[in-house]
Amino acid sequence: MHAIIVTDEAAGRAGMKLSERPEPQPAINDVVVQIHASGFVGTELTWPSTWTDRLTRNRTPTIPGHELAGVVTALGYGTTGLAVGQRVFGLADWYRDGTLAEYVAIEARNLAPLPDDIDFTVGASLPISGLTAWQGLMVHGRLRAGQRVIAHGAAGAVGSMVTQLGREFGAYVIGTGRASDRQMALDFGANEFVDLDNETLEDVGPVDLVFDVIGGEIGKRSARLIRGGGTLVSVVGPSEARPSDGAAIDFVVEADRAQLTEIVQRVRDGRLRTNIGTVAPFNDAVAALNTTKRINGKTIIRVRP
């Protein structure tokens, strides 16, 4: 099969190349999926799991990418809940070859059915952004109606999902970003917006929950805004930022079929809009993933026409 591979951590995305790799075989409880579309997160080439297995052994050449939408072509021994020919989408394991390829072997539990009226491109844009927002707000943040929430990066792939889900569940959402992000964040449902380059974050007053995708000094300043009993939820690694009287939770998103089903149903009925910044064909994937242009939203590679 054709796949994008990386072999040199120091080279980063510049070291990506299109190559021939063996088609994967399904292990116990796996399925093989013919990939139609794949998502990509720009930071994943800095993750240890991209380069080593769980025992820290080198596993290059590595196929990156972890989000997919496609069609099941084979079932491993003992696999239940999915069928050959079924449309699916989901989140691949961090330590296994990924989804920038024509086929992937993946645990069946990491996938959910993709409804016929949802395009593969849309399906591939949902797993990381949607699950990260859902888990950060509902599982770790324990969001409740009436709370005030800061959604950092509100025009981005994750932040736009945080904004929309926060509004759906009754929160007052304060989006942040650059000046050029203001209208997009408001279009996704933010009640107000703070330009972090030119406006003062502290002017928003006390909040109950901060969803941090930035970290650093912004994370520290955000923590000081959280009222007693509130929560700082972060996806940018352990931080020194902690509320004086609240919780700080750093988490890594996990695959969850039930949550994926909730997310895609919201896309079907119009409650949730995905945020796709760029769609590129497979043959142009390396160039698309190496662009220096700032893109709001998810980058999707269309593996099959």
Protein backbone atom coordinates (compact mmCIF):
# COMPACT_ATOMS: atom_id res chain seq x y z
CA MET A 1 0.00 0.00 0.00
CA HIS A 2 0.98 3.65 -0.24
CA ALA A 3 1.67 5.47 3.02
CA ILE A 4 3.30 8.59 4.38
CA ILE A 5 6.27 7.62 6.55
CA VAL A 6 8.71 9.41 8.84
CA THR A 7 12.10 8.03 9.87
CA ASP A 8 13.98 10.96 11.40
CA GLU A 9 12.66 12.74 14.48
CA ALA A 10 15.05 15.65 14.01
CA ALA A 11 13.74 16.32 10.50
CA GLY A 12 10.13 16.55 11.67
CA ARG A 13 7.55 17.13 8.95
CA ALA A 14 10.29 17.92 6.45
CA GLY A 15 11.27 14.25 6.69
CA MET A 16 7.89 12.97 5.54
CA LYS A 17 7.76 11.00 2.30
CA LEU A 18 5.31 8.90 0.34
CA SER A 19 6.43 5.28 0.33
CA GLU A 20 5.33 1.67 -0.18
CA ARG A 21 4.55 -0.30 2.98
CA PRO A 22 3.07 -3.77 3.58
CA GLU A 23 -0.68 -3.85 4.04
CA PRO A 24 -1.48 -4.39 7.73
CA GLN A 25 -2.98 -7.62 9.04
CA PRO A 26 -5.62 -7.59 11.78
CA ALA A 27 -4.65 -8.87 15.23
CA ILE A 28 -7.14 -10.21 17.76
CA ASN A 29 -10.03 -7.74 18.19
CA ASP A 30 -8.72 -5.62 15.30
CA VAL A 31 -10.28 -4.58 12.04
CA VAL A 32 -8.55 -3.43 8.87
CA VAL A 33 -9.99 -0.21 7.47
CA GLN A 34 -9.54 1.04 3.93
CA ILE A 35 -8.96 4.72 4.67
CA HIS A 36 -10.84 7.34 2.68
CA ALA A 37 -9.78 10.37 4.73
CA SER A 38 -7.26 11.00 7.49
CA GLY A 39 -6.71 13.81 9.96
CA PHE A 40 -3.34 15.05 11.15
CA VAL A 41 -2.22 16.98 14.24
CA GLY A 42 0.79 19.19 13.63
CA THR A 43 2.43 18.41 16.97
CA GLU A 44 2.35 14.63 16.76
CA LEU A 45 5.88 14.33 15.39
CA THR A 46 7.08 15.64 18.76
CA TRP A 47 5.25 12.90 20.68
CA PRO A 48 7.41 9.99 21.96
CA SER A 49 4.69 7.56 20.86
CA THR A 50 5.32 8.49 17.22
CA TRP A 51 8.84 7.11 17.40
CA THR A 52 8.80 4.29 19.94
CA ASP A 53 6.57 1.51 21.19
CA ARG A 54 5.32 1.25 24.77
CA LEU A 55 8.65 -0.27 25.81
CA THR A 56 10.50 2.74 24.29
CA ARG A 57 11.92 0.64 21.45
CA ASN A 58 12.44 2.41 18.13
CA ARG A 59 9.63 1.60 15.69
CA THR A 60 10.56 3.65 12.64
CA PRO A 61 9.67 3.92 9.84
CA THR A 62 6.46 5.24 11.35
CA ILE A 63 3.18 6.04 9.62
CA PRO A 64 1.76 9.15 11.35
CA GLY A 65 -1.85 10.29 11.61
CA HIS A 66 -4.45 9.08 14.10
CA GLU A 67 -7.87 10.17 12.81
CA LEU A 68 -9.62 8.23 10.09
CA ALA A 69 -12.82 7.61 8.22
CA GLY A 70 -13.17 4.68 5.86
CA VAL A 71 -14.63 1.22 5.25
CA VAL A 72 -13.94 -2.03 7.13
CA THR A 73 -12.28 -4.62 4.85
CA ALA A 74 -11.25 -7.37 7.29
CA LEU A 75 -11.94 -8.57 10.83
CA GLY A 76 -9.40 -10.02 13.26
CA TYR A 77 -10.08 -13.08 15.36
CA GLY A 78 -12.72 -12.43 17.99
CA THR A 79 -13.76 -9.05 16.62
CA THR A 80 -17.40 -8.18 17.24
CA GLY A 81 -19.59 -5.12 16.81
CA LEU A 82 -18.45 -4.20 13.28
CA ALA A 83 -18.83 -5.81 9.86
CA VAL A 84 -16.92 -5.96 6.60
CA GLY A 85 -18.18 -3.17 4.32
CA GLN A 86 -19.26 -0.94 7.19
CA ARG A 87 -18.44 2.79 7.13
CA VAL A 88 -16.54 3.81 10.27
CA PHE A 89 -14.55 6.64 11.82
CA GLY A 90 -12.38 6.84 14.87
CA LEU A 91 -9.08 7.34 16.66
CA ALA A 92 -6.06 5.08 16.09
CA ASP A 93 -3.72 3.96 18.88
CA TRP A 94 -0.85 6.37 19.58
CA TYR A 95 1.79 3.63 19.51
CA ARG A 96 0.76 1.88 16.30
CA ASP A 97 1.14 2.84 12.66
CA GLY A 98 -1.35 5.53 11.84
CA THR A 99 -3.81 6.69 9.26
CA LEU A 100 -1.83 8.53 6.57
CA ALA A 101 -2.02 5.36 4.53
CA GLU A 102 -4.38 3.40 2.31
CA TYR A 103 -5.12 0.88 5.08
CA VAL A 104 -4.77 0.70 8.85
CA ALA A 105 -5.16 -2.09 11.42
CA ILE A 106 -6.98 -0.74 14.46
CA GLU A 107 -8.79 -2.05 17.51
CA ALA A 108 -12.50 -2.27 16.77
CA ARG A 109 -13.36 -0.55 20.04
CA ASN A 110 -11.63 2.62 18.77
CA LEU A 111 -14.16 2.99 15.95
CA ALA A 112 -17.79 4.05 15.64
CA PRO A 113 -20.20 3.65 12.73
CA LEU A 114 -20.14 6.59 10.29
CA PRO A 115 -23.66 7.38 9.06
CA ASP A 116 -24.20 7.28 5.30
CA ASP A 117 -25.06 10.98 5.17
CA ILE A 118 -21.74 12.08 6.72
CA ASP A 119 -18.87 12.55 4.25
CA PHE A 120 -15.60 10.74 4.96
CA THR A 121 -13.80 14.09 5.06
CA VAL A 122 -16.11 15.30 7.82
CA GLY A 123 -15.80 11.98 9.67
CA ALA A 124 -12.01 12.18 9.71
CA SER A 125 -12.13 15.70 11.16
CA LEU A 126 -14.09 14.70 14.26
CA PRO A 127 -12.23 12.18 16.46
CA ILE A 128 -9.45 14.19 18.11
CA SER A 129 -11.17 17.58 18.10
CA GLY A 130 -14.57 16.25 19.10
CA LEU A 131 -13.39 13.77 21.73
CA THR A 132 -10.92 16.25 23.23
CA ALA A 133 -13.66 18.86 23.63
CA TRP A 134 -16.19 16.34 24.95
CA GLN A 135 -13.84 14.75 27.47
CA GLY A 136 -12.35 18.05 28.61
CA LEU A 137 -15.73 19.66 29.21
CA MET A 138 -17.99 16.82 30.25
CA VAL A 139 -15.69 14.22 31.81
CA HIS A 140 -12.82 16.21 33.33
CA GLY A 141 -14.38 19.66 33.60
CA ARG A 142 -17.82 18.42 34.74
CA LEU A 143 -19.46 21.31 32.97
CA ARG A 144 -22.81 22.54 34.29
CA ALA A 145 -25.33 24.92 32.82
CA GLY A 146 -24.79 28.54 33.81
CA GLN A 147 -21.03 28.28 34.23
CA ARG A 148 -18.60 30.74 32.67
CA VAL A 149 -16.00 29.04 30.44
CA ILE A 150 -12.86 30.32 28.72
CA ALA A 151 -12.23 28.48 25.45
CA HIS A 152 -8.68 29.28 24.35
CA GLY A 153 -8.04 29.00 20.62
CA ALA A 154 -11.76 29.29 19.95
CA ALA A 155 -11.32 29.48 16.16
CA GLY A 156 -9.17 26.34 16.04
CA ALA A 157 -10.15 22.72 15.54
CA VAL A 158 -10.49 21.90 19.25
CA GLY A 159 -11.50 25.34 20.50
CA SER A 160 -14.40 25.63 18.07
CA MET A 161 -15.75 22.30 19.35
CA VAL A 162 -15.32 23.45 22.96
CA THR A 163 -17.23 26.61 22.14
CA GLN A 164 -20.13 24.83 20.48
CA LEU A 165 -20.49 22.07 23.07
CA GLY A 166 -20.15 24.57 25.90
CA ARG A 167 -22.99 26.66 24.49
CA GLU A 168 -25.16 23.58 23.89
CA PHE A 169 -24.84 22.56 27.53
CA GLY A 170 -25.71 26.00 28.84
CA ALA A 171 -22.35 27.67 29.48
CA TYR A 172 -21.40 31.28 28.85
CA VAL A 173 -18.36 30.88 26.59
CA ILE A 174 -15.54 33.40 26.31
CA GLY A 175 -13.41 32.61 23.28
CA THR A 176 -9.82 33.74 22.85
CA GLY A 177 -7.31 33.97 20.02
CA ARG A 178 -5.78 36.50 17.66
CA ALA A 179 -7.63 39.51 16.30
CA SER A 180 -8.25 37.75 12.99
CA ASP A 181 -10.00 34.91 14.85
CA ARG A 182 -12.73 37.06 16.40
CA GLN A 183 -15.49 36.65 13.83
CA MET A 184 -14.92 32.93 13.39
CA ALA A 185 -15.06 32.36 17.15
CA LEU A 186 -18.28 34.36 17.41
CA ASP A 187 -19.73 32.44 14.45
CA PHE A 188 -19.05 29.19 16.31
CA GLY A 189 -21.06 30.53 19.23
CA ALA A 190 -18.72 32.35 21.60
CA ASN A 191 -20.63 34.87 23.72
CA GLU A 192 -17.64 37.19 23.68
CA PHE A 193 -14.05 37.18 22.46
CA VAL A 194 -10.69 38.30 23.83
CA ASP A 195 -7.86 39.19 21.44
CA LEU A 196 -4.89 37.90 23.45
CA ASP A 197 -2.46 40.19 21.61
CA ASN A 198 -4.31 43.45 22.16
CA GLU A 199 -6.89 42.98 24.92
CA THR A 200 -6.62 42.08 28.59
CA LEU A 201 -7.69 38.55 29.48
CA GLU A 202 -8.22 39.49 33.12
CA ASP A 203 -11.04 41.84 32.13
CA VAL A 204 -13.40 38.88 31.66
CA GLY A 205 -13.58 38.46 35.44
CA PRO A 206 -14.01 35.20 37.38
CA VAL A 207 -14.78 31.99 35.48
CA ASP A 208 -15.67 28.43 36.44
CA LEU A 209 -13.70 26.51 33.83
CA VAL A 210 -10.76 27.17 31.52
CA PHE A 211 -10.07 24.90 28.55
CA ASP A 212 -6.40 25.53 27.81
CA VAL A 213 -4.75 24.65 24.50
CA ILE A 214 -1.96 27.22 24.84
CA GLY A 215 -0.20 26.78 28.18
CA GLY A 216 2.75 28.90 29.31
CA GLU A 217 2.03 32.37 30.64
CA ILE A 218 -1.52 32.34 29.25
CA GLY A 219 -2.20 29.19 31.25
CA LYS A 220 -0.90 30.80 34.44
CA ARG A 221 -2.95 33.96 33.93
CA SER A 222 -6.03 31.87 33.18
CA ALA A 223 -5.63 29.84 36.37
CA ARG A 224 -5.82 33.02 38.43
CA LEU A 225 -9.26 33.77 36.98
CA ILE A 226 -10.84 30.52 38.18
CA ARG A 227 -13.19 30.99 41.10
CA GLY A 228 -13.32 28.62 44.07
CA GLY A 229 -14.12 25.04 43.10
CA GLY A 230 -13.45 25.70 39.41
CA THR A 231 -11.29 23.72 37.01
CA LEU A 232 -8.39 24.30 34.64
CA VAL A 233 -8.44 21.63 31.91
CA SER A 234 -5.30 21.39 29.78
CA VAL A 235 -4.20 19.38 26.75
CA VAL A 236 -0.71 20.92 26.53
CA GLY A 237 1.03 18.88 29.19
CA PRO A 238 1.59 19.27 32.94
CA SER A 239 1.69 22.90 33.92
CA GLU A 240 2.69 25.03 36.86
CA ALA A 241 -0.63 26.81 36.44
CA ARG A 242 -3.08 25.86 39.17
CA PRO A 243 -6.17 27.62 40.50
CA SER A 244 -5.71 28.81 44.09
CA ASP A 245 -8.91 27.00 45.10
CA GLY A 246 -9.75 24.51 42.37
CA ALA A 247 -8.51 21.64 40.24
CA ALA A 248 -5.96 21.48 37.42
CA ILE A 249 -6.39 18.52 35.10
CA ASP A 250 -4.07 17.59 32.25
CA PHE A 251 -5.33 14.79 30.03
CA VAL A 252 -4.67 12.86 26.83
CA VAL A 253 -7.71 12.19 24.67
CA GLU A 254 -8.93 8.59 24.49
CA ALA A 255 -11.00 6.74 21.91
CA ASP A 256 -14.61 6.19 22.99
CA ARG A 257 -17.28 4.74 20.70
CA ALA A 258 -20.22 6.10 22.67
CA GLN A 259 -18.81 9.62 22.67
CA LEU A 260 -17.98 9.45 18.96
CA THR A 261 -21.59 8.46 18.34
CA GLU A 262 -22.84 11.44 20.37
CA ILE A 263 -20.56 13.77 18.41
CA VAL A 264 -21.48 12.55 14.94
CA GLN A 265 -25.19 12.66 15.78
CA ARG A 266 -24.78 16.34 16.62
CA VAL A 267 -23.16 16.92 13.25
CA ARG A 268 -26.07 15.16 11.53
CA ASP A 269 -28.75 17.25 13.22
CA GLY A 270 -26.90 20.55 12.93
CA ARG A 271 -26.02 21.15 16.57
CA LEU A 272 -22.29 20.84 15.83
CA ARG A 273 -20.16 22.10 12.94
CA THR A 274 -16.76 20.64 12.27
CA ASN A 275 -13.88 23.01 11.61
CA ILE A 276 -11.88 21.93 8.54
CA GLY A 277 -9.12 24.27 7.49
CA THR A 278 -7.54 22.39 4.57
CA VAL A 279 -8.36 19.31 2.48
CA ALA A 280 -5.60 17.91 0.27
CA PRO A 281 -5.38 14.81 -1.94
CA PHE A 282 -3.06 11.99 -0.88
CA ASN A 283 -0.48 12.72 -3.57
CA ASP A 284 -0.14 16.27 -2.23
CA ALA A 285 -0.13 15.27 1.43
CA VAL A 286 3.55 15.92 2.13
CA ALA A 287 3.36 19.45 0.73
CA ALA A 288 0.08 20.17 2.52
CA LEU A 289 1.44 19.00 5.86
CA ASN A 290 4.60 21.07 5.46
CA THR A 291 2.90 24.38 4.74
CA THR A 292 4.05 27.36 6.78
CA LYS A 293 0.71 29.11 6.32
CA ARG A 294 -1.35 29.55 9.50
CA ILE A 295 -4.54 27.53 9.15
CA ASN A 296 -7.49 27.60 11.51
CA GLY A 297 -9.16 24.24 11.67
CA LYS A 298 -8.26 20.66 10.91
CA THR A 299 -6.01 19.50 8.09
CA ILE A 300 -7.56 16.52 6.29
CA ILE A 301 -5.87 14.30 3.73
CA ARG A 302 -8.26 12.70 1.27
CA VAL A 303 -6.63 9.29 0.81
CA ARG A 304 -9.17 8.03 -1.70
CA PRO A 305 -10.85 10.30 -4.29
